[in-house]
N, C-alpha and C. Protein backbone atom coordinates (compact mmCIF):
# COMPACT_ATOMS: atom_id res chain seq x y z
N MET A 1 11.33 27.61 56.35
CA MET A 1 12.01 28.07 55.13
C MET A 1 12.92 26.97 54.58
N ALA A 2 13.63 26.30 55.52
CA ALA A 2 14.53 25.23 55.10
C ALA A 2 13.74 24.08 54.52
N ARG A 3 12.55 23.81 55.15
CA ARG A 3 11.71 22.71 54.67
C ARG A 3 11.19 23.00 53.26
N THR A 4 10.78 24.24 53.02
CA THR A 4 10.29 24.66 51.70
C THR A 4 11.38 24.51 50.65
N SER A 5 12.58 24.92 51.03
CA SER A 5 13.71 24.79 50.11
C SER A 5 14.00 23.33 49.80
N SER A 6 13.87 22.47 50.79
CA SER A 6 14.10 21.04 50.58
C SER A 6 13.04 20.44 49.65
N LEU A 7 11.79 20.85 49.85
CA LEU A 7 10.71 20.38 48.98
C LEU A 7 10.91 20.85 47.54
N THR A 8 11.35 22.07 47.39
CA THR A 8 11.61 22.63 46.05
C THR A 8 12.69 21.84 45.34
N ARG A 9 13.76 21.52 46.08
CA ARG A 9 14.85 20.74 45.48
C ARG A 9 14.37 19.34 45.10
N SER A 10 13.56 18.73 45.98
CA SER A 10 13.04 17.39 45.70
C SER A 10 12.13 17.40 44.47
N LEU A 11 11.27 18.42 44.41
CA LEU A 11 10.36 18.55 43.27
C LEU A 11 11.15 18.76 41.99
N GLY A 12 12.17 19.59 42.06
CA GLY A 12 13.02 19.82 40.89
C GLY A 12 13.71 18.56 40.43
N PHE A 13 14.17 17.74 41.38
CA PHE A 13 14.83 16.48 41.05
C PHE A 13 13.86 15.52 40.36
N VAL A 14 12.63 15.44 40.90
CA VAL A 14 11.61 14.55 40.31
C VAL A 14 11.26 15.00 38.90
N LEU A 15 11.12 16.31 38.71
CA LEU A 15 10.77 16.83 37.39
C LEU A 15 11.88 16.55 36.37
N LYS A 16 13.11 16.58 36.81
CA LYS A 16 14.24 16.30 35.91
C LYS A 16 14.18 14.86 35.40
N ILE A 17 13.55 13.98 36.16
CA ILE A 17 13.41 12.58 35.74
C ILE A 17 12.12 12.37 34.96
N VAL A 18 11.01 12.90 35.51
CA VAL A 18 9.69 12.65 34.92
C VAL A 18 9.54 13.26 33.54
N VAL A 19 9.99 14.49 33.37
CA VAL A 19 9.80 15.18 32.09
C VAL A 19 10.52 14.46 30.94
N PRO A 20 11.81 14.11 31.06
CA PRO A 20 12.47 13.38 29.96
C PRO A 20 11.82 12.02 29.67
N VAL A 21 11.39 11.33 30.75
CA VAL A 21 10.73 10.03 30.56
C VAL A 21 9.42 10.22 29.80
N ALA A 22 8.65 11.24 30.15
CA ALA A 22 7.38 11.50 29.47
C ALA A 22 7.60 11.85 28.00
N VAL A 23 8.62 12.67 27.74
CA VAL A 23 8.93 13.04 26.35
C VAL A 23 9.35 11.81 25.56
N LEU A 24 10.17 10.96 26.15
CA LEU A 24 10.61 9.74 25.48
C LEU A 24 9.43 8.82 25.20
N TRP A 25 8.54 8.67 26.17
CA TRP A 25 7.34 7.84 25.98
C TRP A 25 6.50 8.36 24.83
N PHE A 26 6.31 9.67 24.77
CA PHE A 26 5.52 10.27 23.70
C PHE A 26 6.15 10.01 22.33
N LEU A 27 7.45 10.21 22.25
CA LEU A 27 8.14 10.01 20.98
C LEU A 27 8.05 8.57 20.50
N LEU A 28 8.24 7.64 21.41
CA LEU A 28 8.23 6.23 21.02
C LEU A 28 6.84 5.75 20.62
N ASN A 29 5.81 6.28 21.27
CA ASN A 29 4.46 5.80 21.02
C ASN A 29 3.73 6.54 19.91
N PHE A 30 4.05 7.80 19.68
CA PHE A 30 3.29 8.58 18.71
C PHE A 30 4.11 9.02 17.50
N VAL A 31 5.38 9.26 17.67
CA VAL A 31 6.20 9.76 16.57
C VAL A 31 6.99 8.65 15.92
N TYR A 32 7.68 7.86 16.74
CA TYR A 32 8.52 6.80 16.20
C TYR A 32 7.87 5.44 16.35
N ALA A 33 6.53 5.41 16.35
CA ALA A 33 5.82 4.13 16.39
C ALA A 33 6.23 3.32 15.17
N PRO A 34 6.15 1.99 15.24
CA PRO A 34 6.65 1.14 14.14
C PRO A 34 6.15 1.52 12.76
N SER A 35 4.89 1.90 12.65
CA SER A 35 4.34 2.19 11.32
C SER A 35 4.82 3.53 10.79
N CYS A 36 4.97 4.51 11.70
CA CYS A 36 5.38 5.87 11.30
C CYS A 36 4.55 6.39 10.13
N GLY A 37 3.28 6.01 10.07
CA GLY A 37 2.40 6.50 9.03
C GLY A 37 2.54 5.79 7.70
N ARG A 38 3.39 4.79 7.61
CA ARG A 38 3.59 4.08 6.34
C ARG A 38 2.49 3.03 6.15
N PHE A 39 2.30 2.62 4.90
CA PHE A 39 1.29 1.61 4.55
C PHE A 39 -0.11 2.01 5.02
N SER A 40 -0.40 3.31 4.94
CA SER A 40 -1.69 3.88 5.31
C SER A 40 -2.03 3.72 6.78
N CYS A 41 -1.03 3.45 7.61
CA CYS A 41 -1.26 3.35 9.05
C CYS A 41 -1.09 4.72 9.67
N SER A 42 -1.83 4.97 10.71
CA SER A 42 -1.73 6.26 11.38
C SER A 42 -0.56 6.24 12.35
N TYR A 43 -0.35 7.35 13.01
CA TYR A 43 0.70 7.44 14.01
C TYR A 43 0.24 6.90 15.36
N THR A 44 -0.98 6.37 15.38
CA THR A 44 -1.52 5.88 16.64
C THR A 44 -0.77 4.65 17.11
N PRO A 45 -0.37 4.59 18.37
CA PRO A 45 0.36 3.42 18.86
C PRO A 45 -0.52 2.18 18.88
N SER A 46 0.12 1.02 18.96
CA SER A 46 -0.61 -0.24 18.83
C SER A 46 -1.59 -0.48 19.97
N TRP A 47 -1.34 0.14 21.15
CA TRP A 47 -2.21 -0.12 22.29
C TRP A 47 -3.45 0.77 22.29
N TRP A 48 -3.51 1.76 21.40
CA TRP A 48 -4.63 2.70 21.38
C TRP A 48 -5.89 1.98 20.89
N PRO A 49 -7.06 2.22 21.53
CA PRO A 49 -8.29 1.53 21.09
C PRO A 49 -8.61 1.87 19.65
N VAL A 50 -9.07 0.85 18.89
CA VAL A 50 -9.45 1.07 17.50
C VAL A 50 -10.89 0.66 17.30
N ALA A 51 -11.50 1.20 16.26
CA ALA A 51 -12.88 0.83 15.94
C ALA A 51 -12.94 -0.64 15.58
N SER A 52 -14.07 -1.25 15.84
CA SER A 52 -14.20 -2.68 15.59
C SER A 52 -14.04 -3.02 14.11
N ALA A 53 -14.33 -2.06 13.23
CA ALA A 53 -14.20 -2.31 11.78
C ALA A 53 -12.75 -2.26 11.33
N ASP A 54 -11.89 -1.74 12.18
CA ASP A 54 -10.47 -1.61 11.83
C ASP A 54 -9.66 -2.53 12.72
N SER A 55 -8.91 -3.43 12.12
CA SER A 55 -8.15 -4.40 12.91
C SER A 55 -6.97 -3.76 13.64
N GLY A 56 -6.55 -2.59 13.17
CA GLY A 56 -5.38 -1.96 13.76
C GLY A 56 -4.09 -2.58 13.26
N SER A 57 -4.18 -3.52 12.33
CA SER A 57 -2.99 -4.17 11.81
C SER A 57 -2.14 -3.16 11.07
N CYS A 58 -0.86 -3.14 11.39
CA CYS A 58 0.02 -2.14 10.81
C CYS A 58 1.38 -2.75 10.48
N PRO A 59 1.58 -3.18 9.25
CA PRO A 59 2.85 -3.81 8.89
C PRO A 59 4.01 -2.84 8.94
N GLU A 60 5.18 -3.37 9.27
CA GLU A 60 6.37 -2.54 9.39
C GLU A 60 7.23 -2.58 8.13
N SER A 61 6.88 -3.44 7.16
CA SER A 61 7.67 -3.55 5.94
C SER A 61 6.79 -4.02 4.81
N ILE A 62 7.30 -3.94 3.59
CA ILE A 62 6.55 -4.39 2.42
C ILE A 62 6.29 -5.89 2.51
N ARG A 63 7.24 -6.65 3.01
CA ARG A 63 7.06 -8.10 3.17
C ARG A 63 5.95 -8.41 4.15
N ALA A 64 5.90 -7.64 5.24
CA ALA A 64 4.83 -7.85 6.22
C ALA A 64 3.47 -7.52 5.61
N ALA A 65 3.40 -6.45 4.82
CA ALA A 65 2.14 -6.07 4.18
C ALA A 65 1.68 -7.15 3.19
N MET A 66 2.63 -7.78 2.54
CA MET A 66 2.29 -8.81 1.56
C MET A 66 1.62 -10.02 2.22
N GLY A 67 1.88 -10.23 3.50
CA GLY A 67 1.32 -11.39 4.17
C GLY A 67 0.25 -11.08 5.20
N ASP A 68 -0.22 -9.83 5.24
CA ASP A 68 -1.14 -9.40 6.29
C ASP A 68 -2.55 -9.21 5.73
N ALA A 69 -3.38 -10.23 5.87
CA ALA A 69 -4.75 -10.17 5.34
C ALA A 69 -5.60 -9.16 6.09
N ASP A 70 -5.35 -8.98 7.39
CA ASP A 70 -6.12 -7.99 8.16
C ASP A 70 -5.83 -6.58 7.68
N TRP A 71 -4.56 -6.30 7.43
CA TRP A 71 -4.19 -4.99 6.89
C TRP A 71 -4.84 -4.78 5.53
N ALA A 72 -4.81 -5.82 4.69
CA ALA A 72 -5.42 -5.72 3.37
C ALA A 72 -6.92 -5.47 3.48
N ALA A 73 -7.58 -6.10 4.43
CA ALA A 73 -9.01 -5.90 4.63
C ALA A 73 -9.31 -4.47 5.06
N ASP A 74 -8.45 -3.92 5.90
CA ASP A 74 -8.62 -2.52 6.31
C ASP A 74 -8.49 -1.58 5.12
N ARG A 75 -7.50 -1.84 4.26
CA ARG A 75 -7.31 -1.00 3.08
C ARG A 75 -8.49 -1.16 2.12
N PHE A 76 -8.99 -2.38 1.97
CA PHE A 76 -10.16 -2.60 1.12
C PHE A 76 -11.34 -1.76 1.60
N GLY A 77 -11.47 -1.63 2.91
CA GLY A 77 -12.55 -0.82 3.45
C GLY A 77 -12.51 0.63 2.98
N GLU A 78 -11.32 1.12 2.64
CA GLU A 78 -11.17 2.49 2.16
C GLU A 78 -11.73 2.68 0.75
N ILE A 79 -11.73 1.61 -0.05
CA ILE A 79 -12.11 1.74 -1.47
C ILE A 79 -13.30 0.87 -1.85
N GLN A 80 -13.89 0.24 -0.86
CA GLN A 80 -14.98 -0.71 -1.12
C GLN A 80 -16.13 -0.08 -1.89
N GLY A 81 -16.43 1.17 -1.61
CA GLY A 81 -17.57 1.82 -2.24
C GLY A 81 -17.31 2.42 -3.60
N GLU A 82 -16.08 2.35 -4.10
CA GLU A 82 -15.77 2.92 -5.41
C GLU A 82 -16.51 2.17 -6.51
N GLN A 83 -17.03 2.91 -7.49
CA GLN A 83 -17.82 2.31 -8.54
C GLN A 83 -16.98 1.63 -9.62
N ILE A 84 -15.74 2.06 -9.79
CA ILE A 84 -14.86 1.43 -10.76
C ILE A 84 -13.71 0.75 -10.01
N THR A 85 -13.01 -0.13 -10.72
CA THR A 85 -11.90 -0.84 -10.07
C THR A 85 -10.85 0.17 -9.62
N THR A 86 -10.55 0.13 -8.35
CA THR A 86 -9.60 1.05 -7.73
C THR A 86 -8.57 0.24 -6.94
N GLY A 87 -7.33 0.67 -7.01
CA GLY A 87 -6.27 -0.01 -6.28
C GLY A 87 -5.48 0.94 -5.42
N LEU A 88 -5.09 0.47 -4.25
CA LEU A 88 -4.15 1.20 -3.38
C LEU A 88 -2.83 0.46 -3.49
N PHE A 89 -1.82 1.14 -4.03
CA PHE A 89 -0.53 0.52 -4.28
C PHE A 89 0.53 1.05 -3.33
N TYR A 90 1.39 0.14 -2.86
CA TYR A 90 2.48 0.50 -1.94
C TYR A 90 3.77 -0.16 -2.41
N GLY A 91 4.83 0.64 -2.46
CA GLY A 91 6.16 0.10 -2.72
C GLY A 91 6.91 -0.07 -1.42
N GLU A 92 8.22 -0.26 -1.51
CA GLU A 92 9.03 -0.48 -0.31
C GLU A 92 8.99 0.69 0.67
N ASP A 93 8.74 1.90 0.17
CA ASP A 93 8.73 3.08 1.04
C ASP A 93 7.43 3.21 1.83
N GLY A 94 6.43 2.38 1.51
CA GLY A 94 5.17 2.42 2.24
C GLY A 94 4.24 3.54 1.86
N GLU A 95 4.59 4.33 0.86
CA GLU A 95 3.74 5.44 0.42
C GLU A 95 2.53 4.90 -0.36
N LYS A 96 1.39 5.50 -0.14
CA LYS A 96 0.17 5.07 -0.83
C LYS A 96 -0.01 5.78 -2.16
N HIS A 97 -0.35 5.00 -3.19
CA HIS A 97 -0.69 5.54 -4.50
C HIS A 97 -2.06 4.98 -4.88
N THR A 98 -2.99 5.86 -5.16
CA THR A 98 -4.33 5.43 -5.56
C THR A 98 -4.41 5.43 -7.08
N ILE A 99 -4.71 4.26 -7.64
CA ILE A 99 -4.77 4.09 -9.09
C ILE A 99 -6.17 3.58 -9.45
N LYS A 100 -6.74 4.13 -10.51
CA LYS A 100 -8.07 3.71 -10.95
C LYS A 100 -8.01 3.16 -12.37
N SER A 101 -8.90 2.22 -12.65
CA SER A 101 -8.99 1.69 -14.01
C SER A 101 -9.68 2.71 -14.91
N GLY A 102 -9.59 2.47 -16.21
CA GLY A 102 -10.20 3.39 -17.16
C GLY A 102 -9.29 4.57 -17.44
N ASP A 103 -9.91 5.70 -17.77
CA ASP A 103 -9.18 6.95 -18.07
C ASP A 103 -8.04 6.69 -19.05
N GLU A 104 -8.38 6.24 -20.24
CA GLU A 104 -7.39 5.84 -21.23
C GLU A 104 -6.50 6.99 -21.70
N ARG A 105 -6.90 8.22 -21.46
CA ARG A 105 -6.07 9.36 -21.86
C ARG A 105 -5.24 9.91 -20.71
N GLY A 106 -5.35 9.30 -19.57
CA GLY A 106 -4.64 9.78 -18.40
C GLY A 106 -3.17 9.40 -18.39
N GLU A 107 -2.44 9.99 -17.46
CA GLU A 107 -0.99 9.77 -17.36
C GLU A 107 -0.65 8.32 -17.06
N ASP A 108 -1.42 7.67 -16.18
CA ASP A 108 -1.14 6.28 -15.82
C ASP A 108 -1.31 5.34 -17.01
N ALA A 109 -2.37 5.56 -17.79
CA ALA A 109 -2.60 4.72 -18.96
C ALA A 109 -1.54 4.96 -20.04
N GLU A 110 -1.13 6.20 -20.20
CA GLU A 110 -0.09 6.50 -21.18
C GLU A 110 1.23 5.85 -20.78
N ARG A 111 1.55 5.88 -19.51
CA ARG A 111 2.76 5.21 -19.03
C ARG A 111 2.67 3.71 -19.33
N ALA A 112 1.50 3.12 -19.08
CA ALA A 112 1.31 1.69 -19.33
C ALA A 112 1.50 1.36 -20.81
N ARG A 113 0.95 2.19 -21.70
CA ARG A 113 1.13 1.96 -23.15
C ARG A 113 2.60 2.07 -23.54
N ARG A 114 3.29 3.04 -22.96
CA ARG A 114 4.70 3.23 -23.25
C ARG A 114 5.51 1.99 -22.87
N VAL A 115 5.22 1.43 -21.71
CA VAL A 115 5.93 0.24 -21.25
C VAL A 115 5.54 -0.97 -22.10
N LEU A 116 4.28 -1.09 -22.42
CA LEU A 116 3.83 -2.22 -23.24
C LEU A 116 4.53 -2.22 -24.60
N ARG A 117 4.67 -1.04 -25.19
CA ARG A 117 5.39 -0.95 -26.46
C ARG A 117 6.86 -1.32 -26.27
N ALA A 118 7.45 -0.83 -25.19
CA ALA A 118 8.88 -1.06 -24.94
C ALA A 118 9.21 -2.53 -24.74
N VAL A 119 8.30 -3.29 -24.13
CA VAL A 119 8.58 -4.71 -23.87
C VAL A 119 8.12 -5.61 -25.02
N GLY A 120 7.55 -5.00 -26.06
CA GLY A 120 7.14 -5.78 -27.23
C GLY A 120 5.86 -6.55 -27.06
N ALA A 121 4.98 -6.07 -26.19
CA ALA A 121 3.69 -6.74 -26.01
C ALA A 121 2.86 -6.59 -27.29
N ALA A 122 2.09 -7.61 -27.59
CA ALA A 122 1.25 -7.58 -28.79
C ALA A 122 0.14 -6.56 -28.61
N SER A 123 -0.13 -5.83 -29.65
CA SER A 123 -1.20 -4.83 -29.61
C SER A 123 -2.43 -5.38 -30.31
N ALA A 124 -3.53 -4.68 -30.16
CA ALA A 124 -4.75 -5.02 -30.88
C ALA A 124 -4.55 -4.68 -32.36
N PRO A 125 -5.42 -5.21 -33.26
CA PRO A 125 -5.27 -4.91 -34.70
C PRO A 125 -5.21 -3.42 -35.02
N ASP A 126 -5.85 -2.60 -34.20
CA ASP A 126 -5.82 -1.16 -34.47
C ASP A 126 -4.61 -0.47 -33.84
N GLY A 127 -3.70 -1.27 -33.25
CA GLY A 127 -2.49 -0.71 -32.66
C GLY A 127 -2.64 -0.27 -31.21
N SER A 128 -3.82 -0.43 -30.65
CA SER A 128 -4.04 -0.01 -29.27
C SER A 128 -3.66 -1.12 -28.29
N TYR A 129 -3.63 -0.76 -27.02
CA TYR A 129 -3.33 -1.71 -25.95
C TYR A 129 -4.48 -1.67 -24.95
N PRO A 130 -5.50 -2.51 -25.15
CA PRO A 130 -6.66 -2.49 -24.26
C PRO A 130 -6.31 -2.68 -22.79
N ALA A 131 -5.29 -3.47 -22.52
CA ALA A 131 -4.93 -3.76 -21.12
C ALA A 131 -4.38 -2.54 -20.40
N ALA A 132 -3.99 -1.50 -21.14
CA ALA A 132 -3.38 -0.31 -20.51
C ALA A 132 -4.33 0.41 -19.57
N SER A 133 -5.62 0.16 -19.71
CA SER A 133 -6.57 0.84 -18.84
C SER A 133 -6.78 0.09 -17.52
N HIS A 134 -6.24 -1.11 -17.41
CA HIS A 134 -6.41 -1.90 -16.19
C HIS A 134 -5.52 -1.36 -15.07
N VAL A 135 -6.07 -1.35 -13.87
CA VAL A 135 -5.34 -0.80 -12.73
C VAL A 135 -4.05 -1.59 -12.46
N GLU A 136 -4.08 -2.91 -12.67
CA GLU A 136 -2.90 -3.73 -12.41
C GLU A 136 -1.78 -3.42 -13.40
N VAL A 137 -2.13 -3.18 -14.64
CA VAL A 137 -1.15 -2.86 -15.67
C VAL A 137 -0.55 -1.48 -15.41
N LYS A 138 -1.37 -0.56 -14.99
CA LYS A 138 -0.88 0.78 -14.66
C LYS A 138 0.14 0.72 -13.53
N VAL A 139 -0.12 -0.12 -12.54
CA VAL A 139 0.79 -0.25 -11.42
C VAL A 139 2.09 -0.92 -11.85
N ALA A 140 1.99 -1.95 -12.69
CA ALA A 140 3.20 -2.62 -13.18
C ALA A 140 4.09 -1.64 -13.94
N ALA A 141 3.48 -0.77 -14.73
CA ALA A 141 4.25 0.24 -15.47
C ALA A 141 4.92 1.21 -14.51
N LEU A 142 4.20 1.61 -13.48
CA LEU A 142 4.76 2.51 -12.47
C LEU A 142 5.95 1.85 -11.77
N MET A 143 5.80 0.58 -11.42
CA MET A 143 6.89 -0.14 -10.76
C MET A 143 8.12 -0.19 -11.65
N ARG A 144 7.90 -0.48 -12.93
CA ARG A 144 9.03 -0.61 -13.87
C ARG A 144 9.78 0.71 -14.02
N GLU A 145 9.04 1.79 -14.22
CA GLU A 145 9.68 3.07 -14.45
C GLU A 145 10.32 3.64 -13.19
N ALA A 146 9.75 3.32 -12.03
CA ALA A 146 10.27 3.86 -10.77
C ALA A 146 11.33 2.95 -10.15
N GLY A 147 11.54 1.77 -10.74
CA GLY A 147 12.52 0.84 -10.20
C GLY A 147 12.11 0.20 -8.90
N VAL A 148 10.80 0.05 -8.68
CA VAL A 148 10.29 -0.58 -7.46
C VAL A 148 10.44 -2.09 -7.59
N ARG A 149 11.16 -2.71 -6.68
CA ARG A 149 11.44 -4.15 -6.77
C ARG A 149 10.29 -5.01 -6.28
N THR A 150 9.58 -4.54 -5.27
CA THR A 150 8.47 -5.30 -4.69
C THR A 150 7.32 -4.36 -4.41
N GLY A 151 6.12 -4.78 -4.80
CA GLY A 151 4.96 -3.94 -4.56
C GLY A 151 3.78 -4.76 -4.08
N VAL A 152 2.91 -4.11 -3.34
CA VAL A 152 1.68 -4.76 -2.90
C VAL A 152 0.52 -3.81 -3.18
N MET A 153 -0.57 -4.38 -3.65
CA MET A 153 -1.72 -3.57 -4.00
C MET A 153 -2.99 -4.24 -3.48
N VAL A 154 -3.93 -3.41 -3.07
CA VAL A 154 -5.25 -3.89 -2.65
C VAL A 154 -6.25 -3.31 -3.64
N ILE A 155 -7.05 -4.18 -4.24
CA ILE A 155 -8.07 -3.70 -5.18
C ILE A 155 -9.46 -4.02 -4.64
N ASN A 156 -10.44 -3.33 -5.17
CA ASN A 156 -11.81 -3.50 -4.69
C ASN A 156 -12.66 -4.39 -5.60
N ARG A 157 -12.01 -5.11 -6.50
CA ARG A 157 -12.77 -5.92 -7.47
C ARG A 157 -12.91 -7.35 -6.98
N GLU A 158 -14.16 -7.74 -6.73
CA GLU A 158 -14.45 -9.12 -6.38
C GLU A 158 -14.06 -10.01 -7.57
N GLY A 159 -13.38 -11.08 -7.30
CA GLY A 159 -12.96 -11.96 -8.39
C GLY A 159 -11.50 -11.81 -8.74
N GLY A 160 -10.88 -10.77 -8.24
CA GLY A 160 -9.44 -10.68 -8.39
C GLY A 160 -8.93 -9.84 -9.54
N PRO A 161 -7.61 -9.76 -9.65
CA PRO A 161 -6.98 -8.92 -10.69
C PRO A 161 -7.26 -9.44 -12.08
N CYS A 162 -7.45 -8.51 -12.98
CA CYS A 162 -7.68 -8.81 -14.40
C CYS A 162 -8.97 -9.59 -14.63
N ALA A 163 -9.86 -9.61 -13.68
CA ALA A 163 -11.11 -10.34 -13.84
C ALA A 163 -11.92 -9.75 -14.98
N GLY A 164 -12.46 -10.62 -15.79
CA GLY A 164 -13.30 -10.20 -16.91
C GLY A 164 -12.55 -9.73 -18.12
N ALA A 165 -11.22 -9.78 -18.08
CA ALA A 165 -10.43 -9.33 -19.23
C ALA A 165 -10.53 -10.35 -20.36
N VAL A 166 -10.59 -9.85 -21.58
CA VAL A 166 -10.66 -10.72 -22.76
C VAL A 166 -9.55 -10.29 -23.73
N GLY A 167 -9.23 -11.19 -24.63
CA GLY A 167 -8.23 -10.86 -25.65
C GLY A 167 -6.86 -10.68 -25.04
N LEU A 168 -6.25 -9.53 -25.29
CA LEU A 168 -4.91 -9.23 -24.78
C LEU A 168 -5.04 -8.82 -23.32
N SER A 169 -5.20 -9.82 -22.46
CA SER A 169 -5.54 -9.53 -21.07
C SER A 169 -4.35 -9.03 -20.27
N CYS A 170 -4.66 -8.35 -19.19
CA CYS A 170 -3.60 -7.83 -18.33
C CYS A 170 -2.85 -8.98 -17.67
N GLY A 171 -3.51 -10.09 -17.43
CA GLY A 171 -2.83 -11.23 -16.84
C GLY A 171 -1.72 -11.76 -17.72
N GLU A 172 -1.85 -11.60 -19.02
CA GLU A 172 -0.83 -12.07 -19.96
C GLU A 172 0.33 -11.09 -20.08
N VAL A 173 0.05 -9.80 -19.96
CA VAL A 173 1.11 -8.81 -20.18
C VAL A 173 1.86 -8.44 -18.91
N LEU A 174 1.27 -8.67 -17.75
CA LEU A 174 1.93 -8.26 -16.51
C LEU A 174 3.31 -8.89 -16.33
N PRO A 175 3.48 -10.20 -16.54
CA PRO A 175 4.83 -10.77 -16.39
C PRO A 175 5.84 -10.19 -17.37
N LEU A 176 5.37 -9.70 -18.52
CA LEU A 176 6.27 -9.07 -19.48
C LEU A 176 6.70 -7.68 -19.00
N MET A 177 5.79 -6.99 -18.35
CA MET A 177 6.06 -5.62 -17.93
C MET A 177 6.98 -5.56 -16.72
N LEU A 178 6.88 -6.56 -15.85
CA LEU A 178 7.70 -6.57 -14.64
C LEU A 178 9.06 -7.19 -14.97
N PRO A 179 10.14 -6.46 -14.80
CA PRO A 179 11.46 -7.04 -15.05
C PRO A 179 11.69 -8.27 -14.17
N SER A 180 12.62 -9.10 -14.58
CA SER A 180 12.92 -10.33 -13.85
C SER A 180 13.19 -10.05 -12.38
N GLY A 181 12.51 -10.79 -11.53
CA GLY A 181 12.71 -10.64 -10.10
C GLY A 181 11.74 -9.69 -9.42
N LEU A 182 11.05 -8.84 -10.19
CA LEU A 182 10.08 -7.93 -9.59
C LEU A 182 8.79 -8.68 -9.28
N THR A 183 8.21 -8.37 -8.13
CA THR A 183 7.00 -9.05 -7.69
C THR A 183 5.92 -8.03 -7.33
N LEU A 184 4.73 -8.28 -7.83
CA LEU A 184 3.55 -7.49 -7.46
C LEU A 184 2.53 -8.43 -6.85
N ARG A 185 2.22 -8.21 -5.58
CA ARG A 185 1.16 -8.99 -4.94
C ARG A 185 -0.11 -8.17 -4.91
N VAL A 186 -1.21 -8.79 -5.31
CA VAL A 186 -2.50 -8.11 -5.36
C VAL A 186 -3.45 -8.79 -4.38
N TRP A 187 -3.95 -8.01 -3.42
CA TRP A 187 -4.98 -8.47 -2.50
C TRP A 187 -6.33 -8.08 -3.08
N PHE A 188 -7.33 -8.97 -2.95
CA PHE A 188 -8.67 -8.68 -3.47
C PHE A 188 -9.72 -9.41 -2.65
N PRO A 189 -10.95 -8.88 -2.63
CA PRO A 189 -12.02 -9.54 -1.85
C PRO A 189 -12.55 -10.75 -2.61
N SER A 190 -12.84 -11.80 -1.86
CA SER A 190 -13.39 -13.01 -2.47
C SER A 190 -14.16 -13.79 -1.41
N GLY A 191 -15.46 -13.85 -1.59
CA GLY A 191 -16.29 -14.62 -0.66
C GLY A 191 -16.21 -14.15 0.78
N GLY A 192 -16.11 -12.85 0.96
CA GLY A 192 -16.10 -12.30 2.31
C GLY A 192 -14.74 -12.29 2.99
N ARG A 193 -13.70 -12.67 2.29
CA ARG A 193 -12.36 -12.59 2.87
C ARG A 193 -11.39 -12.09 1.81
N MET A 194 -10.17 -11.81 2.22
CA MET A 194 -9.17 -11.29 1.30
C MET A 194 -8.29 -12.42 0.78
N GLU A 195 -8.16 -12.46 -0.53
CA GLU A 195 -7.29 -13.42 -1.21
C GLU A 195 -6.14 -12.65 -1.85
N GLN A 196 -5.15 -13.39 -2.32
CA GLN A 196 -3.99 -12.74 -2.93
C GLN A 196 -3.55 -13.48 -4.19
N LYS A 197 -2.94 -12.72 -5.07
CA LYS A 197 -2.37 -13.30 -6.29
C LYS A 197 -1.08 -12.57 -6.60
N ASP A 198 -0.05 -13.31 -6.98
CA ASP A 198 1.24 -12.73 -7.29
C ASP A 198 1.49 -12.69 -8.78
N PHE A 199 2.14 -11.60 -9.22
CA PHE A 199 2.64 -11.49 -10.59
C PHE A 199 4.15 -11.26 -10.47
N VAL A 200 4.91 -12.11 -11.16
CA VAL A 200 6.37 -12.06 -11.06
C VAL A 200 6.96 -11.85 -12.45
N GLY A 201 7.90 -10.93 -12.54
CA GLY A 201 8.55 -10.65 -13.82
C GLY A 201 9.34 -11.84 -14.32
N LYS A 202 9.31 -12.03 -15.63
CA LYS A 202 10.04 -13.17 -16.23
C LYS A 202 11.52 -12.84 -16.37
């Protein structure tokens, strides 16, 4: 009886140590992992096996995402099959925003036109703003209105941002739309790898 009581006490002592350690391990690896679900990263810890198509790269900040080509390649994989130019945009909070080109009557395009008018961008002879339908211009307008200081976007268009634009191109209006000091980095596929281009407000 005394031996059983001693074993019970020993087991209780071990459990008092093991259970808190196990809970702490779980929290650190699954709940409070560095990514915490930001920048489209899952809650999976860094040591967890990942598919070969996914690098498992998970930036902890907007600055890290801006310099992480593996992360950008993983995000490109999410939108690679889209038929129109599509962008995944992230601000400092790491939240994902999916923006598509076209849809000239949509909320994103209307916001872009509103900002283009406000900054005095030149319009087409008919008063329209052709660049407002571009995914990059829509994101710049979102950044301006939301006060986002730094943004990173991954697009699925080979050849890079504003490719194929003519006339009042988005490449010309983006620096006008971004207030001084604001930076938008755009990752895009090029020759089988990810390249980047920066747009900085004047």
